[in-house]
Amino acid sequence: MEFFHLFSILIVLSAAFAYINFRFLKLPNAIGLMLVSLLFSFLILITGNYFPEVKTVIEHRLNEINFSELLLEGMLSFMLFAGAIHIKYADLKSEKLSIMLFSTISVVLSTVIIGYVSFYLLNAFGLDVSLINAMLFGSLISPTDPIAVLSILKSAGVSKSLETKIAGESLFNDGVAVVVFITILQLSKPDVDTSFIGVLSLFGQEAIGGILLGLVLGWTGYKLVASIDHYQVEVLVTLAVVMGGYTFAHYTHVSGPLAMVVAGLITGNHGKAYGMSKITAEYVDKFWELIDEILNAILFVLIGLELLIIETSKTIFIVSFILIGVILITRYISVYIPSIFIRLKEQMTRKTLVILTWGGLRGGISIALALSIPISLNRDIWVTITYVVVCFSILVQGMTIGKVAKS
């Protein structure tokens, strides 16, 4: 019952903030929701100076929500499946090289560069962190989350090619980055095989296992929906694929995010084309579109409210703003290097690289991963830095990407 009450409060706040944004601010939904949530949090902080009990009650409620578990073990599976179900094979095929390189090489490059720079930077400021801890931060801040920017890019009139690059990259690099993060987190534990073969085996189990599970889930779901013609049951089957598949991935120690992306692609293409009637396909699309919108609303409201329970210091804030610049430069480097190979196959202009850099927003996945770091590995420091980076990314980059795209 306690969870129901908390969920009800989140839904009410999400609906209220979404209404305020749509009625008055008219910003892209994710950006508007987070901005209103932040303003609400500032209002609570100011009110707390006069009525401390109000702030205490709200902080207590927020501390009861395990943000990391809620997103990584719950919301992420639905959001990745919902995103993948709308991507067409034809679009993905035309951009396969870009998406493959950006979601693998770019993530690994970004992890290493940010990891080393943050290690030396934090220690220079007197914040004692180990290199493995810094690499954890590099991996969690590397995945882009352009949910907030896709609608702006469409209205800015960018090419379908660029739109597919950003959407495809975000889906796959979320899964790859989670695998990299889990691998590094495992390596930070004592008595773990840190040899090249050991690391490769751990990474392979998560990544390859997740892709294979996604293939099985997607194909099984397709065969089930193809054997009947009843849209209510078929929608329920897609829901079972996500919830059952993600749970199975958790217990078999393979990548649930990668499994959901693969299963979503199969369902959205093969399943809809050969296993569903037009009515069923329409209901499946609308159901998952609605799920995606609701969960994204809750996610960005939660990000805004997290301000109330972030513990920080002046030094960490200074480091955070320096790292914002480092992360943007690293993002450019991490897309520029793969683009050298991509140019052999397709056109890749400097403007495209700039849009990919500025449009590479960080979001809820980064915060959730930061919150999953054990306290013994300097979690408070990484959570604060991640929060500052994510807020800047969504509010500043998200609100200006339209102008960058049109320039």
Protein backbone atom coordinates (compact mmCIF):
# COMPACT_ATOMS: atom_id res chain seq x y z
CA MET A 1 0.00 0.00 0.00
CA GLU A 2 2.92 2.34 0.78
CA PHE A 3 4.28 1.91 -2.76
CA PHE A 4 0.82 2.63 -4.19
CA HIS A 5 0.65 5.91 -2.25
CA LEU A 6 4.11 6.99 -3.46
CA PHE A 7 3.28 6.05 -7.05
CA SER A 8 -0.01 7.95 -6.82
CA ILE A 9 1.81 11.09 -5.63
CA LEU A 10 4.27 10.81 -8.53
CA ILE A 11 1.45 10.44 -11.05
CA VAL A 12 -0.41 13.46 -9.62
CA LEU A 13 2.75 15.60 -9.67
CA SER A 14 3.60 14.44 -13.20
CA ALA A 15 0.10 15.32 -14.43
CA ALA A 16 0.14 18.72 -12.68
CA PHE A 17 3.61 19.63 -13.97
CA ALA A 18 2.77 18.40 -17.49
CA TYR A 19 -0.36 20.59 -17.47
CA ILE A 20 1.61 23.65 -16.31
CA ASN A 21 4.20 23.08 -19.03
CA PHE A 22 1.65 22.49 -21.80
CA ARG A 23 -0.58 25.38 -20.72
CA PHE A 24 2.03 28.03 -19.92
CA LEU A 25 5.67 27.14 -20.71
CA LYS A 26 5.08 25.19 -23.94
CA LEU A 27 8.53 23.59 -23.77
CA PRO A 28 9.32 20.06 -25.02
CA ASN A 29 7.69 17.73 -22.51
CA ALA A 30 10.80 16.29 -20.86
CA ILE A 31 12.51 19.67 -20.54
CA GLY A 32 9.38 21.39 -19.25
CA LEU A 33 8.64 18.68 -16.69
CA MET A 34 12.16 18.77 -15.31
CA LEU A 35 12.19 22.58 -15.16
CA VAL A 36 8.87 22.73 -13.29
CA SER A 37 10.09 19.97 -10.94
CA LEU A 38 13.27 21.91 -10.20
CA LEU A 39 11.27 25.09 -9.53
CA PHE A 40 9.00 23.06 -7.23
CA SER A 41 12.09 21.72 -5.43
CA PHE A 42 13.50 25.24 -5.00
CA LEU A 43 10.13 26.34 -3.60
CA ILE A 44 10.21 23.48 -1.08
CA LEU A 45 13.78 24.43 -0.08
CA ILE A 46 12.73 28.05 0.49
CA THR A 47 9.59 26.97 2.37
CA GLY A 48 11.78 24.65 4.46
CA ASN A 49 13.56 27.68 5.92
CA TYR A 50 10.28 28.79 7.50
CA PHE A 51 8.52 25.44 7.92
CA PRO A 52 11.26 22.78 8.34
CA GLU A 53 8.71 20.01 8.89
CA VAL A 54 7.41 20.38 5.30
CA LYS A 55 10.87 19.82 3.80
CA THR A 56 11.54 16.96 6.22
CA VAL A 57 8.35 15.10 5.26
CA ILE A 58 9.01 15.44 1.52
CA GLU A 59 12.66 14.41 1.87
CA HIS A 60 11.57 11.37 3.89
CA ARG A 61 9.15 10.36 1.13
CA LEU A 62 11.78 10.79 -1.57
CA ASN A 63 14.30 8.74 0.39
CA GLU A 64 11.76 5.91 0.44
CA ILE A 65 11.96 5.74 -3.36
CA ASN A 66 14.88 3.64 -4.59
CA PHE A 67 15.42 5.67 -7.77
CA SER A 68 18.13 3.37 -9.10
CA GLU A 69 16.10 0.20 -8.62
CA LEU A 70 12.91 1.85 -9.91
CA LEU A 71 14.57 2.89 -13.17
CA LEU A 72 17.04 0.07 -13.81
CA GLU A 73 14.82 -2.81 -12.67
CA GLY A 74 11.47 -1.37 -13.71
CA MET A 75 11.08 1.64 -15.97
CA LEU A 76 14.10 1.08 -18.24
CA SER A 77 12.79 -2.17 -19.70
CA PHE A 78 9.51 -0.53 -20.76
CA MET A 79 11.20 2.61 -22.12
CA LEU A 80 13.76 0.76 -24.23
CA PHE A 81 11.16 -1.65 -25.64
CA ALA A 82 8.80 1.26 -26.38
CA GLY A 83 11.58 3.15 -28.15
CA ALA A 84 12.74 0.15 -30.19
CA ILE A 85 9.25 -0.84 -31.30
CA HIS A 86 8.95 2.34 -33.40
CA ILE A 87 12.26 2.01 -35.26
CA LYS A 88 12.06 0.52 -38.74
CA TYR A 89 14.52 -2.08 -40.00
CA ALA A 90 15.01 -0.09 -43.22
CA ASP A 91 16.04 3.08 -41.34
CA LEU A 92 18.26 1.09 -39.00
CA LYS A 93 19.91 -0.74 -41.91
CA SER A 94 20.73 2.50 -43.71
CA GLU A 95 22.48 3.84 -40.58
CA LYS A 96 23.81 0.54 -39.21
CA LEU A 97 27.49 1.51 -39.38
CA SER A 98 26.96 4.84 -37.59
CA ILE A 99 24.76 3.32 -34.88
CA MET A 100 27.10 0.36 -34.32
CA LEU A 101 30.22 2.55 -34.00
CA PHE A 102 28.59 5.30 -31.92
CA SER A 103 27.03 2.83 -29.49
CA THR A 104 30.24 0.82 -28.97
CA ILE A 105 33.48 2.63 -29.82
CA SER A 106 32.08 6.01 -28.71
CA VAL A 107 30.91 4.61 -25.37
CA VAL A 108 34.25 2.89 -24.64
CA LEU A 109 36.29 5.95 -25.71
CA SER A 110 34.13 8.25 -23.61
CA THR A 111 34.38 5.94 -20.59
CA VAL A 112 38.19 5.84 -20.70
CA ILE A 113 38.77 9.56 -21.40
CA ILE A 114 36.26 10.82 -18.80
CA GLY A 115 37.46 8.19 -16.33
CA TYR A 116 41.10 9.30 -16.48
CA VAL A 117 40.35 13.04 -16.56
CA SER A 118 37.91 12.87 -13.62
CA PHE A 119 40.41 10.76 -11.63
CA TYR A 120 43.19 13.36 -11.92
CA LEU A 121 40.79 16.32 -11.60
CA LEU A 122 39.08 15.15 -8.41
CA ASN A 123 42.34 14.21 -6.75
CA ALA A 124 43.79 17.61 -7.71
CA PHE A 125 40.88 19.20 -5.81
CA GLY A 126 41.54 17.05 -2.75
CA LEU A 127 38.74 14.54 -3.42
CA ASP A 128 40.33 11.14 -2.91
CA VAL A 129 38.97 8.70 -5.50
CA SER A 130 40.50 5.63 -7.11
CA LEU A 131 40.89 5.11 -10.86
CA ILE A 132 38.35 2.25 -10.91
CA ASN A 133 35.80 4.59 -9.25
CA ALA A 134 36.50 7.26 -11.86
CA MET A 135 36.02 4.67 -14.62
CA LEU A 136 32.61 3.85 -13.13
CA PHE A 137 31.70 7.52 -13.51
CA GLY A 138 33.03 7.51 -17.07
CA SER A 139 30.79 4.57 -17.98
CA LEU A 140 27.63 5.93 -16.36
CA ILE A 141 27.92 9.41 -17.88
CA SER A 142 28.72 8.13 -21.40
CA PRO A 143 25.26 6.92 -22.55
CA THR A 144 23.24 9.64 -24.26
CA ASP A 145 19.55 10.00 -23.59
CA PRO A 146 18.09 12.18 -26.36
CA ILE A 147 14.42 11.61 -25.47
CA ALA A 148 14.03 15.31 -24.74
CA VAL A 149 15.63 16.43 -27.98
CA LEU A 150 14.09 14.21 -30.69
CA SER A 151 10.91 16.30 -31.04
CA ILE A 152 13.01 19.50 -31.28
CA LEU A 153 15.17 17.97 -34.00
CA LYS A 154 12.06 17.04 -35.99
CA SER A 155 10.68 20.58 -35.79
CA ALA A 156 14.12 21.95 -36.69
CA GLY A 157 13.91 20.07 -39.96
CA VAL A 158 16.98 17.84 -39.58
CA SER A 159 17.41 14.95 -41.95
CA LYS A 160 15.82 11.56 -41.36
CA SER A 161 19.34 10.13 -41.41
CA LEU A 162 20.47 12.22 -38.42
CA GLU A 163 17.25 11.51 -36.55
CA THR A 164 17.78 7.75 -36.98
CA LYS A 165 21.43 8.05 -35.89
CA ILE A 166 20.43 9.75 -32.62
CA ALA A 167 17.49 7.44 -31.87
CA GLY A 168 19.36 4.25 -32.76
CA GLU A 169 22.49 5.27 -30.89
CA SER A 170 20.53 6.12 -27.73
CA LEU A 171 18.80 2.73 -27.67
CA PHE A 172 21.94 0.65 -28.13
CA ASN A 173 24.40 2.76 -26.17
CA ASP A 174 22.11 2.64 -23.12
CA GLY A 175 22.43 -1.14 -23.18
CA VAL A 176 26.16 -1.14 -23.94
CA ALA A 177 26.91 1.47 -21.26
CA VAL A 178 24.99 -0.52 -18.62
CA VAL A 179 27.04 -3.60 -19.57
CA VAL A 180 30.30 -1.60 -19.33
CA PHE A 181 29.21 -0.17 -15.97
CA ILE A 182 28.31 -3.58 -14.55
CA THR A 183 31.60 -5.03 -15.81
CA ILE A 184 33.66 -2.27 -14.15
CA LEU A 185 31.58 -2.55 -10.96
CA GLN A 186 32.30 -6.28 -10.81
CA LEU A 187 36.02 -5.61 -11.37
CA SER A 188 36.03 -3.21 -8.41
CA LYS A 189 35.21 -6.10 -6.07
CA PRO A 190 38.04 -8.07 -4.40
CA ASP A 191 39.05 -11.54 -5.67
CA VAL A 192 37.67 -10.95 -9.17
CA ASP A 193 39.51 -12.18 -12.26
CA THR A 194 40.84 -8.94 -13.82
CA SER A 195 42.75 -10.62 -16.64
CA PHE A 196 41.86 -9.76 -20.25
CA ILE A 197 40.12 -13.11 -20.68
CA GLY A 198 38.21 -12.61 -17.41
CA VAL A 199 37.03 -9.13 -18.38
CA LEU A 200 36.11 -10.27 -21.90
CA SER A 201 34.17 -13.24 -20.50
CA LEU A 202 32.22 -11.02 -18.09
CA PHE A 203 31.43 -8.47 -20.81
CA GLY A 204 30.53 -11.18 -23.31
CA GLN A 205 28.13 -12.92 -20.94
CA GLU A 206 26.20 -9.70 -20.39
CA ALA A 207 26.26 -8.37 -23.96
CA ILE A 208 26.01 -11.48 -26.11
CA GLY A 209 23.67 -13.15 -23.61
CA GLY A 210 21.38 -10.11 -23.68
CA ILE A 211 21.24 -10.02 -27.49
CA LEU A 212 20.52 -13.77 -27.71
CA LEU A 213 17.79 -13.49 -25.07
CA GLY A 214 16.26 -10.58 -27.00
CA LEU A 215 16.18 -12.68 -30.17
CA VAL A 216 14.42 -15.54 -28.33
CA LEU A 217 11.93 -13.17 -26.66
CA GLY A 218 11.15 -11.31 -29.88
CA TRP A 219 10.70 -14.48 -31.93
CA THR A 220 8.57 -16.16 -29.23
CA GLY A 221 6.38 -13.07 -28.96
CA TYR A 222 5.99 -12.94 -32.74
CA LYS A 223 4.92 -16.61 -32.97
CA LEU A 224 2.39 -16.11 -30.17
CA VAL A 225 0.73 -13.01 -31.65
CA ALA A 226 0.76 -14.56 -35.13
CA SER A 227 -1.26 -17.52 -33.89
CA ILE A 228 -4.25 -15.40 -32.76
CA ASP A 229 -6.18 -12.29 -33.80
CA HIS A 230 -7.30 -10.56 -30.60
CA TYR A 231 -5.72 -7.19 -29.91
CA GLN A 232 -6.25 -7.24 -26.12
CA VAL A 233 -4.41 -10.54 -25.76
CA GLU A 234 -1.69 -9.51 -28.22
CA VAL A 235 -1.00 -6.29 -26.31
CA LEU A 236 -0.81 -8.39 -23.15
CA VAL A 237 1.71 -10.71 -24.85
CA THR A 238 4.02 -7.75 -25.62
CA LEU A 239 3.73 -6.68 -21.98
CA ALA A 240 4.66 -10.21 -20.87
CA VAL A 241 7.68 -10.22 -23.19
CA VAL A 242 9.00 -7.09 -21.47
CA MET A 243 8.26 -7.95 -17.85
CA GLY A 244 9.01 -11.66 -18.04
CA GLY A 245 12.05 -11.18 -20.27
CA TYR A 246 13.64 -8.50 -18.08
CA THR A 247 13.10 -10.59 -14.96
CA PHE A 248 14.65 -13.62 -16.66
CA ALA A 249 17.64 -11.50 -17.75
CA HIS A 250 18.16 -10.37 -14.15
CA TYR A 251 18.33 -13.93 -12.82
CA THR A 252 20.52 -15.25 -15.66
CA HIS A 253 22.97 -12.30 -15.40
CA VAL A 254 22.65 -11.13 -19.00
CA SER A 255 21.91 -7.61 -20.21
CA GLY A 256 18.21 -6.84 -19.83
CA PRO A 257 18.49 -3.48 -21.67
CA LEU A 258 20.05 -5.09 -24.77
CA ALA A 259 17.45 -7.87 -24.65
CA MET A 260 14.63 -5.29 -24.61
CA VAL A 261 16.07 -3.36 -27.56
CA VAL A 262 16.38 -6.51 -29.70
CA ALA A 263 12.95 -7.83 -28.65
CA GLY A 264 11.40 -4.43 -29.37
CA LEU A 265 12.93 -4.25 -32.85
CA ILE A 266 11.62 -7.71 -33.75
CA THR A 267 8.15 -6.94 -32.34
CA GLY A 268 7.95 -3.54 -34.04
CA ASN A 269 8.99 -4.86 -37.44
CA HIS A 270 8.55 -8.62 -37.93
CA GLY A 271 5.75 -8.90 -35.35
CA LYS A 272 3.67 -6.02 -36.71
CA ALA A 273 4.26 -6.84 -40.37
CA TYR A 274 3.59 -10.60 -40.26
CA GLY A 275 1.87 -11.36 -36.97
CA MET A 276 -0.64 -8.56 -36.32
CA SER A 277 -3.71 -7.19 -38.01
CA LYS A 278 -3.87 -3.43 -38.74
CA ILE A 279 -6.11 -2.87 -35.71
CA THR A 280 -3.79 -4.82 -33.40
CA ALA A 281 -0.70 -3.00 -34.71
CA GLU A 282 -2.42 0.33 -34.07
CA TYR A 283 -3.36 -0.63 -30.51
CA VAL A 284 0.14 -1.96 -29.80
CA ASP A 285 1.67 1.30 -31.09
CA LYS A 286 -0.65 3.51 -29.05
CA PHE A 287 -0.29 1.40 -25.89
CA TRP A 288 3.52 1.56 -25.92
CA GLU A 289 3.54 5.21 -26.94
CA LEU A 290 1.37 6.00 -23.91
CA ILE A 291 3.53 3.86 -21.60
CA ASP A 292 6.61 5.68 -22.87
CA GLU A 293 5.07 9.13 -22.31
CA ILE A 294 3.88 8.31 -18.78
CA LEU A 295 7.20 6.80 -17.68
CA ASN A 296 9.21 9.65 -19.18
CA ALA A 297 7.00 12.14 -17.34
CA ILE A 298 7.61 10.34 -14.03
CA LEU A 299 11.34 10.04 -14.79
CA PHE A 300 11.93 13.74 -15.39
CA VAL A 301 9.79 14.74 -12.43
CA LEU A 302 11.90 12.44 -10.25
CA ILE A 303 15.12 13.95 -11.62
CA GLY A 304 13.89 17.41 -10.66
CA LEU A 305 12.81 16.31 -7.18
CA GLU A 306 16.18 14.62 -6.53
CA LEU A 307 17.52 18.14 -5.88
CA LEU A 308 15.93 17.93 -2.42
CA ILE A 309 18.11 15.00 -1.30
CA ILE A 310 21.40 15.75 -3.07
CA GLU A 311 24.22 16.43 -0.61
CA THR A 312 26.99 18.58 -2.01
CA SER A 313 29.81 21.06 -1.34
CA LYS A 314 31.35 24.05 -3.09
CA THR A 315 34.33 21.98 -4.25
CA ILE A 316 32.15 19.29 -5.84
CA PHE A 317 30.11 21.96 -7.63
CA ILE A 318 33.27 23.52 -9.10
CA VAL A 319 34.51 20.10 -10.23
CA SER A 320 31.08 19.34 -11.73
CA PHE A 321 31.08 22.45 -13.92
CA ILE A 322 34.63 21.75 -15.10
CA LEU A 323 33.55 18.19 -15.98
CA ILE A 324 30.63 19.53 -18.03
CA GLY A 325 33.18 21.03 -20.42
CA VAL A 326 35.28 17.85 -20.33
CA ILE A 327 32.24 15.70 -21.13
CA LEU A 328 31.23 17.89 -24.10
CA ILE A 329 34.76 17.83 -25.54
CA THR A 330 34.93 14.07 -24.98
CA ARG A 331 31.57 13.61 -26.67
CA TYR A 332 32.89 15.40 -29.76
CA ILE A 333 36.06 13.28 -29.79
CA SER A 334 34.08 10.06 -29.27
CA VAL A 335 31.84 10.76 -32.29
CA TYR A 336 34.60 12.31 -34.44
CA ILE A 337 36.88 9.26 -34.36
CA PRO A 338 34.19 6.76 -35.50
CA SER A 339 33.04 9.31 -38.11
CA ILE A 340 36.38 8.88 -39.89
CA PHE A 341 35.35 5.30 -40.74
CA ILE A 342 31.74 6.29 -41.44
CA ARG A 343 32.85 8.83 -44.08
CA LEU A 344 34.09 5.95 -46.20
CA LYS A 345 30.46 4.82 -46.55
CA GLU A 346 28.34 7.98 -46.20
CA GLN A 347 28.50 11.73 -45.84
CA MET A 348 29.36 12.99 -42.35
CA THR A 349 29.60 16.77 -42.10
CA ARG A 350 31.04 18.89 -39.31
CA LYS A 351 27.55 20.25 -38.59
CA THR A 352 26.31 16.69 -38.06
CA LEU A 353 29.11 16.11 -35.53
CA VAL A 354 28.22 19.34 -33.71
CA ILE A 355 24.54 18.37 -33.51
CA LEU A 356 25.47 14.86 -32.31
CA THR A 357 27.72 16.43 -29.66
CA TRP A 358 25.31 19.09 -28.38
CA GLY A 359 22.31 16.78 -28.79
CA GLY A 360 23.93 13.97 -26.81
CA LEU A 361 21.93 14.62 -23.65
CA ARG A 362 22.50 12.75 -20.41
CA GLY A 363 19.42 11.64 -18.48
CA GLY A 364 17.86 9.40 -15.88
CA ILE A 365 19.94 6.32 -16.69
CA SER A 366 23.11 8.17 -15.64
CA ILE A 367 21.58 9.21 -12.31
CA ALA A 368 20.20 5.70 -11.68
CA LEU A 369 23.61 4.13 -12.32
CA ALA A 370 25.29 6.68 -10.05
CA LEU A 371 22.84 5.86 -7.26
CA SER A 372 23.61 2.14 -7.66
CA ILE A 373 27.30 2.69 -6.80
CA PRO A 374 28.11 1.34 -3.31
CA ILE A 375 28.65 4.00 -0.62
CA SER A 376 32.20 2.69 -0.13
CA LEU A 377 33.05 3.78 -3.71
CA ASN A 378 32.37 7.52 -3.10
CA ARG A 379 28.75 7.35 -4.23
CA ASP A 380 27.79 10.78 -2.82
CA ILE A 381 30.46 12.54 -4.88
CA TRP A 382 29.49 10.79 -8.13
CA VAL A 383 25.75 11.27 -7.59
CA THR A 384 26.19 15.04 -7.11
CA ILE A 385 28.45 15.44 -10.15
CA THR A 386 26.10 13.33 -12.27
CA TYR A 387 23.09 15.35 -11.15
CA VAL A 388 24.72 18.67 -12.10
CA VAL A 389 25.79 17.30 -15.50
CA VAL A 390 22.31 15.89 -16.22
CA CYS A 391 20.55 19.13 -15.23
CA PHE A 392 22.86 21.19 -17.46
CA SER A 393 22.48 18.69 -20.28
CA ILE A 394 18.68 18.64 -20.31
CA LEU A 395 17.98 22.30 -19.52
CA VAL A 396 20.79 24.10 -21.36
CA GLN A 397 21.63 21.72 -24.21
CA GLY A 398 18.04 20.55 -24.59
CA MET A 399 16.65 24.07 -24.83
CA THR A 400 19.25 25.26 -27.34
CA ILE A 401 19.69 22.24 -29.62
CA GLY A 402 16.96 23.56 -31.92
CA LYS A 403 18.96 26.72 -32.61
CA VAL A 404 22.15 24.69 -33.07
CA ALA A 405 20.37 22.43 -35.58
CA LYS A 406 18.98 25.40 -37.55
CA SER A 407 22.23 27.39 -37.58
